[in-house]
Amino acid sequence: MLDRLPGHPLEGCTAATENGHVWIAWYGAVSPCGTYLTRIIPATGDMPTHASPVPQPDGFAVRGNRAVFTRRDHSKRAVELIRAEFHDTTWTVTSRRRLRVPGRVVLRCGQGRDGSLWLRTGHTWLRIEA
């Protein structure tokens, strides 16, 4: 399956579910290098892949043509919260803001489930809608 992805995947950043689909955010090691979002459609085996609007996100969630991403601020009590929309073949950032959170944010802190991003901050889970 991984041989069907562009850019020779080096590592996964995060993943999300939406209904019966799985989304993975990953980055590649060689041309075309960068961060990508791939939707895996189990029923057909299709894996449409598009450039991610956010390099190496720590968490993301998808609902329809909208997504929310987080990027941690290296073990501090804040994340960058980025919203994006998908049009035709491109994800485009629609807003960015810094979000103070109740606890420190660690690597791979966000889990996307059916349109909600569950963000772990210290001993607390925050729910952010896509």
Protein backbone atom coordinates (compact mmCIF):
# COMPACT_ATOMS: atom_id res chain seq x y z
CA MET A 1 0.00 0.00 0.00
CA LEU A 2 2.75 2.49 0.90
CA ASP A 3 4.32 2.10 -2.53
CA ARG A 4 1.19 3.78 -3.98
CA LEU A 5 1.87 7.03 -2.10
CA PRO A 6 3.96 9.84 -3.67
CA GLY A 7 7.18 11.04 -2.06
CA HIS A 8 8.21 7.72 -0.46
CA PRO A 9 6.66 8.03 3.01
CA LEU A 10 9.24 8.62 5.71
CA GLU A 11 6.99 8.91 8.73
CA GLY A 12 3.38 9.40 9.72
CA CYS A 13 2.40 12.56 11.58
CA THR A 14 -1.13 11.76 12.72
CA ALA A 15 -4.36 10.12 11.56
CA ALA A 16 -8.10 10.68 11.67
CA THR A 17 -11.32 8.84 10.87
CA GLU A 18 -14.38 10.15 9.08
CA ASN A 19 -17.33 7.80 8.73
CA GLY A 20 -15.86 4.70 7.03
CA HIS A 21 -12.69 6.43 5.80
CA VAL A 22 -9.26 6.72 7.35
CA TRP A 23 -7.10 9.79 6.81
CA ILE A 24 -3.36 9.83 7.34
CA ALA A 25 -1.06 12.84 7.51
CA TRP A 26 2.48 11.89 6.57
CA TYR A 27 5.65 13.34 5.15
CA GLY A 28 7.92 12.09 2.42
CA ALA A 29 11.67 11.74 2.21
CA VAL A 30 12.32 12.43 -1.48
CA SER A 31 10.78 14.38 -4.35
CA PRO A 32 8.06 15.33 -4.16
CA CYS A 33 8.90 15.87 -0.49
CA GLY A 34 6.50 17.60 1.86
CA THR A 35 3.53 16.76 4.04
CA TYR A 36 0.48 15.02 2.56
CA LEU A 37 -3.05 14.02 3.49
CA THR A 38 -4.26 10.68 2.17
CA ARG A 39 -7.82 9.43 2.48
CA ILE A 40 -8.05 5.64 2.47
CA ILE A 41 -11.38 4.32 1.21
CA PRO A 42 -11.55 0.68 2.38
CA ALA A 43 -14.50 -0.26 0.16
CA THR A 44 -12.62 0.53 -3.07
CA GLY A 45 -8.98 0.63 -2.04
CA ASP A 46 -8.71 4.17 -3.45
CA MET A 47 -6.16 6.43 -1.75
CA PRO A 48 -6.48 10.02 -3.02
CA THR A 49 -3.52 12.05 -1.80
CA HIS A 50 -3.16 15.83 -1.66
CA ALA A 51 -0.58 18.23 -0.29
CA SER A 52 -1.28 19.18 3.32
CA PRO A 53 -1.76 22.89 4.05
CA VAL A 54 0.08 22.34 7.35
CA PRO A 55 3.60 20.90 7.53
CA GLN A 56 3.88 17.98 9.96
CA PRO A 57 0.73 18.50 12.09
CA ASP A 58 0.48 16.85 15.50
CA GLY A 59 -3.26 16.32 15.23
CA PHE A 60 -6.09 16.76 12.76
CA ALA A 61 -9.72 15.95 12.16
CA VAL A 62 -11.84 16.04 9.02
CA ARG A 63 -15.54 16.62 8.40
CA GLY A 64 -16.59 16.83 4.76
CA ASN A 65 -14.46 19.49 3.07
CA ARG A 66 -13.29 21.05 6.36
CA ALA A 67 -10.37 20.13 8.56
CA VAL A 68 -8.75 21.34 11.75
CA PHE A 69 -5.04 20.87 12.49
CA THR A 70 -2.84 21.47 15.50
CA ARG A 71 0.88 22.05 15.77
CA ARG A 72 2.36 21.92 19.23
CA ASP A 73 4.61 24.57 20.70
CA HIS A 74 7.30 22.16 22.00
CA SER A 75 6.02 21.06 25.41
CA LYS A 76 4.44 24.42 26.23
CA ARG A 77 0.86 25.19 27.16
CA ALA A 78 -0.15 26.30 23.67
CA VAL A 79 -0.85 24.98 20.18
CA GLU A 80 -1.32 26.59 16.82
CA LEU A 81 -4.88 25.83 15.69
CA ILE A 82 -5.27 25.86 11.91
CA ARG A 83 -8.51 25.46 9.97
CA ALA A 84 -8.61 24.54 6.28
CA GLU A 85 -11.07 23.76 3.51
CA PHE A 86 -10.80 21.46 0.51
CA HIS A 87 -11.75 22.82 -2.93
CA ASP A 88 -11.31 20.77 -6.12
CA THR A 89 -7.85 19.26 -5.47
CA THR A 90 -6.34 21.66 -2.93
CA TRP A 91 -6.48 22.14 0.84
CA THR A 92 -6.34 25.85 1.74
CA VAL A 93 -5.82 27.40 5.18
CA THR A 94 -8.79 29.56 6.22
CA SER A 95 -7.64 30.61 9.70
CA ARG A 96 -4.79 30.33 12.20
CA ARG A 97 -4.65 31.16 15.88
CA ARG A 98 -2.64 30.35 18.96
CA LEU A 99 -4.66 28.46 21.57
CA ARG A 100 -3.67 28.39 25.24
CA VAL A 101 -4.42 25.02 26.79
CA PRO A 102 -4.62 23.73 30.39
CA GLY A 103 -1.54 21.49 30.23
CA ARG A 104 1.66 20.81 28.34
CA VAL A 105 1.28 19.47 24.81
CA VAL A 106 3.47 16.55 23.78
CA LEU A 107 4.31 14.90 20.46
CA ARG A 108 1.37 13.20 18.72
CA CYS A 109 -1.12 14.82 21.06
CA GLY A 110 -4.19 14.93 18.78
CA GLN A 111 -6.58 12.22 17.60
CA GLY A 112 -9.24 12.90 14.94
CA ARG A 113 -12.51 10.97 15.21
CA ASP A 114 -15.45 11.65 12.91
CA GLY A 115 -15.01 15.40 12.68
CA SER A 116 -13.74 16.03 16.21
CA LEU A 117 -10.12 16.55 17.17
CA TRP A 118 -9.38 15.20 20.64
CA LEU A 119 -6.35 17.10 21.91
CA ARG A 120 -4.46 15.84 24.96
CA THR A 121 -3.00 18.65 27.08
CA GLY A 122 -1.48 17.44 30.32
CA HIS A 123 -4.20 15.39 32.05
CA THR A 124 -7.05 16.93 30.04
CA TRP A 125 -8.64 16.08 26.70
CA LEU A 126 -10.11 18.99 24.69
CA ARG A 127 -12.62 18.48 21.89
CA ILE A 128 -12.28 20.75 18.85
CA GLU A 129 -14.77 20.47 15.98
CA ALA A 130 -13.57 20.51 12.36
